Amino acid sequence: MIRIRHLAAVAAVGLTGAVSAPAALAAPESLAAPAIPEASPATVESEASTISPVAYADRTIREFGAGDDADLQRDTTADARSAITEHDAAPTHWMRTDAQGAAGHVYVTYVNTETHDQLILGVNTTTGMDGDHLVDQAR
């Protein structure tokens, strides 16, 4: 019930772009399950215009873990990319733990299962979900 009220409040604030708040904040049913599913290149290509901010952040984390610098550069700003690559001690062991919406952004939290580092990616939703450099914050 609290989550529904939270989503309604986020929707009232108004996430602009091609996504609605409930779709943007869709979290996995179980946080204990692997949170970042593997995706084939064809799946990623077909998601280009319909990808949610959470899925966009997951894709960015997969790119980081795979060492896919070209796609990581496409999907992140220079500042965000710099903050992400500071966590290169164990780049493939990230699990999503939370997603929160705020006016113009969805913040997706990951914890590294080996180093216990926390990484929060801010996905910009004000420009729609079909552009580049949508991950513009990382901390």
N, C-alpha and C. Protein backbone atom coordinates (compact mmCIF):
# COMPACT_ATOMS: atom_id res chain seq x y z
N MET A 1 0.82 -1.18 0.00
CA MET A 1 0.00 0.00 0.00
C MET A 1 0.87 1.25 0.00
N ILE A 2 1.95 1.24 0.79
CA ILE A 2 2.85 2.39 0.83
C ILE A 2 3.50 2.59 -0.52
N ARG A 3 3.93 1.50 -1.18
CA ARG A 3 4.58 1.60 -2.49
C ARG A 3 3.62 2.22 -3.51
N ILE A 4 2.34 1.84 -3.46
CA ILE A 4 1.37 2.40 -4.40
C ILE A 4 1.23 3.90 -4.15
N ARG A 5 1.17 4.31 -2.90
CA ARG A 5 1.07 5.74 -2.59
C ARG A 5 2.32 6.47 -3.06
N HIS A 6 3.50 5.84 -2.86
CA HIS A 6 4.75 6.44 -3.31
C HIS A 6 4.74 6.62 -4.82
N LEU A 7 4.32 5.61 -5.54
CA LEU A 7 4.27 5.70 -6.99
C LEU A 7 3.26 6.75 -7.43
N ALA A 8 2.14 6.85 -6.75
CA ALA A 8 1.16 7.87 -7.09
C ALA A 8 1.73 9.26 -6.85
N ALA A 9 2.49 9.42 -5.78
CA ALA A 9 3.12 10.72 -5.51
C ALA A 9 4.13 11.07 -6.58
N VAL A 10 4.92 10.08 -7.00
CA VAL A 10 5.89 10.32 -8.06
C VAL A 10 5.17 10.69 -9.35
N ALA A 11 4.08 10.00 -9.65
CA ALA A 11 3.33 10.30 -10.86
C ALA A 11 2.75 11.71 -10.78
N ALA A 12 2.31 12.11 -9.59
CA ALA A 12 1.76 13.45 -9.43
C ALA A 12 2.83 14.52 -9.63
N VAL A 13 4.05 14.24 -9.17
CA VAL A 13 5.15 15.17 -9.38
C VAL A 13 5.39 15.31 -10.87
N GLY A 14 5.27 14.19 -11.59
CA GLY A 14 5.32 14.26 -13.04
C GLY A 14 6.66 13.90 -13.63
N LEU A 15 6.95 12.63 -13.75
CA LEU A 15 8.12 12.22 -14.51
C LEU A 15 7.77 12.44 -15.97
N THR A 16 8.47 13.32 -16.63
CA THR A 16 8.18 13.58 -18.03
C THR A 16 8.93 12.61 -18.90
N GLY A 17 8.58 12.55 -20.15
CA GLY A 17 9.23 11.64 -21.07
C GLY A 17 8.28 10.55 -21.48
N ALA A 18 8.85 9.48 -21.98
CA ALA A 18 8.04 8.42 -22.58
C ALA A 18 7.62 7.35 -21.59
N VAL A 19 7.86 7.55 -20.30
CA VAL A 19 7.53 6.51 -19.33
C VAL A 19 6.57 7.06 -18.30
N SER A 20 5.83 6.17 -17.69
CA SER A 20 4.98 6.57 -16.57
C SER A 20 5.67 6.13 -15.29
N ALA A 21 5.31 6.73 -14.18
CA ALA A 21 5.98 6.43 -12.92
C ALA A 21 5.91 4.95 -12.55
N PRO A 22 4.75 4.29 -12.60
CA PRO A 22 4.74 2.88 -12.22
C PRO A 22 5.65 2.03 -13.11
N ALA A 23 5.69 2.29 -14.39
CA ALA A 23 6.58 1.54 -15.28
C ALA A 23 8.03 1.88 -15.01
N ALA A 24 8.29 3.13 -14.70
CA ALA A 24 9.65 3.57 -14.48
C ALA A 24 10.26 2.96 -13.24
N LEU A 25 9.44 2.73 -12.23
CA LEU A 25 9.96 2.25 -10.96
C LEU A 25 9.70 0.77 -10.74
N ALA A 26 9.33 0.07 -11.78
CA ALA A 26 9.05 -1.36 -11.63
C ALA A 26 10.28 -2.05 -11.08
N ALA A 27 10.16 -2.58 -9.89
CA ALA A 27 11.27 -3.25 -9.21
C ALA A 27 11.08 -4.75 -9.32
N PRO A 28 12.17 -5.50 -9.16
CA PRO A 28 12.02 -6.95 -9.20
C PRO A 28 11.15 -7.42 -8.04
N GLU A 29 10.48 -8.55 -8.23
CA GLU A 29 9.62 -9.07 -7.17
C GLU A 29 10.43 -9.46 -5.94
N SER A 30 11.62 -9.96 -6.13
CA SER A 30 12.45 -10.36 -5.02
C SER A 30 13.81 -9.71 -5.18
N LEU A 31 14.25 -8.97 -4.18
CA LEU A 31 15.56 -8.35 -4.26
C LEU A 31 16.67 -9.36 -4.07
N ALA A 32 16.37 -10.54 -3.54
CA ALA A 32 17.39 -11.54 -3.33
C ALA A 32 17.75 -12.25 -4.63
N ALA A 33 16.86 -12.27 -5.59
CA ALA A 33 17.12 -12.92 -6.87
C ALA A 33 18.11 -12.09 -7.67
N PRO A 34 18.84 -12.70 -8.61
CA PRO A 34 19.73 -11.92 -9.46
C PRO A 34 18.93 -10.79 -10.10
N ALA A 35 19.35 -9.58 -9.89
CA ALA A 35 18.55 -8.43 -10.28
C ALA A 35 18.84 -7.92 -11.68
N ILE A 36 19.93 -8.35 -12.28
CA ILE A 36 20.29 -7.83 -13.59
C ILE A 36 20.33 -8.98 -14.58
N PRO A 37 19.20 -9.25 -15.23
CA PRO A 37 19.17 -10.38 -16.16
C PRO A 37 20.02 -10.12 -17.39
N GLU A 38 20.53 -11.19 -17.95
CA GLU A 38 21.31 -11.09 -19.18
C GLU A 38 20.38 -10.76 -20.32
N ALA A 39 20.85 -9.99 -21.26
CA ALA A 39 20.04 -9.64 -22.42
C ALA A 39 20.87 -9.84 -23.68
N SER A 40 20.24 -10.38 -24.69
CA SER A 40 20.94 -10.56 -25.95
C SER A 40 21.01 -9.22 -26.67
N PRO A 41 21.97 -9.03 -27.59
CA PRO A 41 22.05 -7.76 -28.32
C PRO A 41 20.75 -7.43 -29.04
N ALA A 42 20.06 -8.43 -29.57
CA ALA A 42 18.79 -8.17 -30.27
C ALA A 42 17.75 -7.62 -29.31
N THR A 43 17.73 -8.13 -28.08
CA THR A 43 16.78 -7.65 -27.08
C THR A 43 17.08 -6.20 -26.74
N VAL A 44 18.35 -5.88 -26.54
CA VAL A 44 18.74 -4.52 -26.20
C VAL A 44 18.38 -3.58 -27.34
N GLU A 45 18.60 -4.00 -28.59
CA GLU A 45 18.25 -3.17 -29.73
C GLU A 45 16.75 -2.88 -29.77
N SER A 46 15.92 -3.91 -29.53
CA SER A 46 14.47 -3.72 -29.63
C SER A 46 13.92 -2.90 -28.47
N GLU A 47 14.66 -2.80 -27.36
CA GLU A 47 14.20 -2.04 -26.20
C GLU A 47 14.48 -0.55 -26.33
N ALA A 48 15.19 -0.12 -27.36
CA ALA A 48 15.70 1.24 -27.45
C ALA A 48 14.66 2.29 -27.13
N SER A 49 13.44 2.17 -27.65
CA SER A 49 12.47 3.23 -27.42
C SER A 49 11.49 2.90 -26.30
N THR A 50 11.52 1.71 -25.74
CA THR A 50 10.56 1.34 -24.71
C THR A 50 11.23 0.96 -23.39
N ILE A 51 12.49 1.15 -23.26
CA ILE A 51 13.21 0.73 -22.06
C ILE A 51 12.85 1.64 -20.88
N SER A 52 12.67 1.05 -19.72
CA SER A 52 12.37 1.82 -18.52
C SER A 52 13.68 2.37 -17.96
N PRO A 53 13.61 3.38 -17.10
CA PRO A 53 14.83 3.90 -16.49
C PRO A 53 15.58 2.84 -15.69
N VAL A 54 14.86 1.96 -15.00
CA VAL A 54 15.52 0.91 -14.22
C VAL A 54 16.24 -0.06 -15.17
N ALA A 55 15.60 -0.45 -16.25
CA ALA A 55 16.23 -1.33 -17.23
C ALA A 55 17.42 -0.64 -17.89
N TYR A 56 17.33 0.66 -18.09
CA TYR A 56 18.43 1.42 -18.67
C TYR A 56 19.63 1.39 -17.72
N ALA A 57 19.39 1.58 -16.43
CA ALA A 57 20.47 1.50 -15.44
C ALA A 57 21.06 0.10 -15.39
N ASP A 58 20.20 -0.94 -15.44
CA ASP A 58 20.69 -2.32 -15.46
C ASP A 58 21.58 -2.55 -16.67
N ARG A 59 21.15 -2.05 -17.82
CA ARG A 59 21.95 -2.21 -19.04
C ARG A 59 23.31 -1.53 -18.88
N THR A 60 23.32 -0.36 -18.26
CA THR A 60 24.58 0.36 -18.03
C THR A 60 25.51 -0.45 -17.13
N ILE A 61 24.96 -1.06 -16.08
CA ILE A 61 25.78 -1.88 -15.19
C ILE A 61 26.32 -3.10 -15.94
N ARG A 62 25.51 -3.73 -16.80
CA ARG A 62 26.00 -4.86 -17.60
C ARG A 62 27.12 -4.43 -18.53
N GLU A 63 26.99 -3.26 -19.14
CA GLU A 63 28.04 -2.75 -20.03
C GLU A 63 29.33 -2.54 -19.24
N PHE A 64 29.22 -1.99 -18.06
CA PHE A 64 30.39 -1.78 -17.21
C PHE A 64 31.04 -3.11 -16.86
N GLY A 65 30.24 -4.08 -16.44
CA GLY A 65 30.78 -5.39 -16.07
C GLY A 65 31.43 -6.13 -17.23
N ALA A 66 30.91 -5.93 -18.44
CA ALA A 66 31.45 -6.60 -19.62
C ALA A 66 32.63 -5.85 -20.22
N GLY A 67 32.94 -4.68 -19.70
CA GLY A 67 34.02 -3.88 -20.27
C GLY A 67 33.65 -3.27 -21.62
N ASP A 68 32.38 -3.06 -21.84
CA ASP A 68 31.87 -2.50 -23.10
C ASP A 68 31.96 -0.98 -23.05
N ASP A 69 33.17 -0.47 -23.29
CA ASP A 69 33.41 0.96 -23.15
C ASP A 69 32.64 1.81 -24.15
N ALA A 70 32.44 1.31 -25.37
CA ALA A 70 31.71 2.09 -26.38
C ALA A 70 30.27 2.34 -25.96
N ASP A 71 29.58 1.29 -25.52
CA ASP A 71 28.19 1.46 -25.09
C ASP A 71 28.10 2.22 -23.76
N LEU A 72 29.06 1.99 -22.87
CA LEU A 72 29.07 2.72 -21.61
C LEU A 72 29.23 4.21 -21.88
N GLN A 73 30.06 4.55 -22.84
CA GLN A 73 30.24 5.95 -23.20
C GLN A 73 28.97 6.54 -23.81
N ARG A 74 28.26 5.74 -24.60
CA ARG A 74 27.01 6.19 -25.21
C ARG A 74 25.93 6.44 -24.16
N ASP A 75 25.87 5.61 -23.14
CA ASP A 75 24.76 5.65 -22.18
C ASP A 75 24.99 6.53 -20.97
N THR A 76 26.21 7.05 -20.78
CA THR A 76 26.52 7.82 -19.58
C THR A 76 27.19 9.14 -19.93
N THR A 77 27.08 10.09 -19.03
CA THR A 77 27.85 11.32 -19.17
C THR A 77 29.27 11.04 -18.67
N ALA A 78 30.19 11.93 -18.99
CA ALA A 78 31.58 11.74 -18.58
C ALA A 78 31.71 11.67 -17.06
N ASP A 79 31.00 12.53 -16.33
CA ASP A 79 31.08 12.52 -14.87
C ASP A 79 30.53 11.22 -14.29
N ALA A 80 29.40 10.77 -14.80
CA ALA A 80 28.81 9.53 -14.30
C ALA A 80 29.73 8.34 -14.62
N ARG A 81 30.26 8.31 -15.83
CA ARG A 81 31.16 7.22 -16.24
C ARG A 81 32.39 7.17 -15.34
N SER A 82 32.94 8.32 -15.01
CA SER A 82 34.10 8.39 -14.13
C SER A 82 33.79 7.80 -12.75
N ALA A 83 32.63 8.15 -12.21
CA ALA A 83 32.23 7.63 -10.90
C ALA A 83 31.97 6.13 -10.95
N ILE A 84 31.40 5.65 -12.05
CA ILE A 84 31.13 4.21 -12.19
C ILE A 84 32.44 3.44 -12.26
N THR A 85 33.38 3.90 -13.07
CA THR A 85 34.62 3.14 -13.27
C THR A 85 35.54 3.17 -12.05
N GLU A 86 35.24 4.00 -11.07
CA GLU A 86 35.98 3.95 -9.81
C GLU A 86 35.73 2.63 -9.07
N HIS A 87 34.69 1.92 -9.45
CA HIS A 87 34.31 0.65 -8.80
C HIS A 87 34.79 -0.54 -9.60
N ASP A 88 35.94 -0.46 -10.24
CA ASP A 88 36.38 -1.52 -11.14
C ASP A 88 37.04 -2.71 -10.43
N ALA A 89 37.07 -2.73 -9.10
CA ALA A 89 37.66 -3.86 -8.38
C ALA A 89 36.88 -5.15 -8.62
N ALA A 90 35.58 -5.07 -8.74
CA ALA A 90 34.73 -6.24 -9.00
C ALA A 90 33.57 -5.80 -9.88
N PRO A 91 33.81 -5.51 -11.16
CA PRO A 91 32.77 -4.89 -11.99
C PRO A 91 31.61 -5.80 -12.37
N THR A 92 31.70 -7.09 -12.13
CA THR A 92 30.63 -7.99 -12.58
C THR A 92 29.74 -8.50 -11.46
N HIS A 93 29.88 -8.01 -10.28
CA HIS A 93 29.14 -8.56 -9.14
C HIS A 93 28.16 -7.57 -8.53
N TRP A 94 27.34 -6.95 -9.36
CA TRP A 94 26.39 -5.95 -8.89
C TRP A 94 24.98 -6.52 -8.82
N MET A 95 24.27 -6.17 -7.75
CA MET A 95 22.89 -6.60 -7.58
C MET A 95 22.06 -5.35 -7.28
N ARG A 96 20.97 -5.18 -8.01
CA ARG A 96 20.08 -4.05 -7.78
C ARG A 96 19.34 -4.26 -6.47
N THR A 97 19.29 -3.21 -5.65
CA THR A 97 18.62 -3.32 -4.36
C THR A 97 17.46 -2.34 -4.19
N ASP A 98 17.42 -1.28 -5.02
CA ASP A 98 16.37 -0.29 -4.83
C ASP A 98 16.23 0.57 -6.07
N ALA A 99 15.07 1.18 -6.22
CA ALA A 99 14.82 2.17 -7.27
C ALA A 99 13.85 3.19 -6.71
N GLN A 100 14.22 4.45 -6.80
CA GLN A 100 13.41 5.54 -6.26
C GLN A 100 13.26 6.61 -7.33
N GLY A 101 12.09 7.19 -7.42
CA GLY A 101 11.87 8.26 -8.38
C GLY A 101 11.87 9.61 -7.71
N ALA A 102 12.38 10.60 -8.42
CA ALA A 102 12.31 11.99 -8.00
C ALA A 102 12.05 12.80 -9.26
N ALA A 103 11.67 14.03 -9.12
CA ALA A 103 11.33 14.85 -10.29
C ALA A 103 12.48 14.83 -11.30
N GLY A 104 12.22 14.21 -12.43
CA GLY A 104 13.19 14.21 -13.52
C GLY A 104 14.22 13.10 -13.50
N HIS A 105 14.28 12.30 -12.44
CA HIS A 105 15.27 11.23 -12.35
C HIS A 105 14.67 9.99 -11.68
N VAL A 106 15.24 8.86 -12.01
CA VAL A 106 15.03 7.63 -11.27
C VAL A 106 16.41 7.21 -10.78
N TYR A 107 16.52 6.98 -9.47
CA TYR A 107 17.79 6.60 -8.86
C TYR A 107 17.75 5.11 -8.56
N VAL A 108 18.69 4.38 -9.12
CA VAL A 108 18.73 2.93 -8.99
C VAL A 108 19.99 2.58 -8.19
N THR A 109 19.80 1.84 -7.10
CA THR A 109 20.89 1.49 -6.20
C THR A 109 21.34 0.06 -6.44
N TYR A 110 22.65 -0.13 -6.46
CA TYR A 110 23.27 -1.45 -6.62
C TYR A 110 24.26 -1.66 -5.48
N VAL A 111 24.41 -2.92 -5.08
CA VAL A 111 25.42 -3.29 -4.10
C VAL A 111 26.28 -4.36 -4.74
N ASN A 112 27.59 -4.22 -4.56
CA ASN A 112 28.52 -5.21 -5.09
C ASN A 112 28.59 -6.37 -4.10
N THR A 113 28.32 -7.58 -4.58
CA THR A 113 28.25 -8.74 -3.70
C THR A 113 29.62 -9.21 -3.22
N GLU A 114 30.69 -8.72 -3.83
CA GLU A 114 32.04 -9.08 -3.37
C GLU A 114 32.65 -8.01 -2.48
N THR A 115 32.57 -6.76 -2.91
CA THR A 115 33.23 -5.68 -2.17
C THR A 115 32.29 -4.94 -1.23
N HIS A 116 30.98 -5.15 -1.38
CA HIS A 116 29.93 -4.48 -0.59
C HIS A 116 29.87 -2.98 -0.85
N ASP A 117 30.50 -2.53 -1.94
CA ASP A 117 30.38 -1.14 -2.35
C ASP A 117 28.94 -0.87 -2.78
N GLN A 118 28.52 0.36 -2.65
CA GLN A 118 27.20 0.77 -3.13
C GLN A 118 27.40 1.75 -4.27
N LEU A 119 26.57 1.62 -5.29
CA LEU A 119 26.61 2.50 -6.44
C LEU A 119 25.19 2.91 -6.78
N ILE A 120 24.96 4.20 -6.89
CA ILE A 120 23.64 4.72 -7.22
C ILE A 120 23.73 5.42 -8.57
N LEU A 121 22.92 4.97 -9.52
CA LEU A 121 22.88 5.58 -10.84
C LEU A 121 21.63 6.44 -10.95
N GLY A 122 21.79 7.66 -11.41
CA GLY A 122 20.68 8.56 -11.66
C GLY A 122 20.38 8.59 -13.15
N VAL A 123 19.18 8.14 -13.52
CA VAL A 123 18.75 8.10 -14.92
C VAL A 123 17.84 9.30 -15.16
N ASN A 124 18.22 10.14 -16.10
CA ASN A 124 17.46 11.34 -16.44
C ASN A 124 16.24 10.95 -17.26
N THR A 125 15.07 11.28 -16.78
CA THR A 125 13.84 10.95 -17.50
C THR A 125 13.18 12.17 -18.13
N THR A 126 13.81 13.33 -18.04
CA THR A 126 13.20 14.54 -18.58
C THR A 126 13.33 14.64 -20.09
N THR A 127 14.26 13.91 -20.68
CA THR A 127 14.47 14.01 -22.13
C THR A 127 13.86 12.85 -22.88
N GLY A 128 13.07 12.01 -22.22
CA GLY A 128 12.52 10.82 -22.86
C GLY A 128 13.53 9.69 -22.77
N MET A 129 13.08 8.49 -23.02
CA MET A 129 13.97 7.34 -22.83
C MET A 129 14.58 6.85 -24.15
N ASP A 130 14.66 7.68 -25.16
CA ASP A 130 15.24 7.22 -26.41
C ASP A 130 16.50 7.98 -26.78
N GLY A 131 17.11 8.67 -25.82
CA GLY A 131 18.33 9.42 -26.09
C GLY A 131 19.56 8.76 -25.52
N ASP A 132 20.70 9.39 -25.77
CA ASP A 132 21.97 8.92 -25.22
C ASP A 132 22.27 9.68 -23.92
N HIS A 133 23.24 9.18 -23.18
CA HIS A 133 23.74 9.82 -21.96
C HIS A 133 22.65 10.03 -20.91
N LEU A 134 21.77 9.07 -20.77
CA LEU A 134 20.68 9.22 -19.80
C LEU A 134 21.15 8.99 -18.38
N VAL A 135 22.21 8.18 -18.19
CA VAL A 135 22.77 8.04 -16.84
C VAL A 135 23.70 9.23 -16.65
N ASP A 136 23.17 10.24 -15.96
CA ASP A 136 23.95 11.47 -15.82
C ASP A 136 24.45 11.70 -14.40
N GLN A 137 24.13 10.74 -13.50
CA GLN A 137 24.62 10.84 -12.13
C GLN A 137 25.04 9.45 -11.66
N ALA A 138 26.12 9.41 -10.92
CA ALA A 138 26.57 8.18 -10.27
C ALA A 138 27.33 8.57 -9.01
N ARG A 139 27.05 7.83 -7.96
CA ARG A 139 27.75 8.11 -6.69
C ARG A 139 27.85 6.85 -5.88
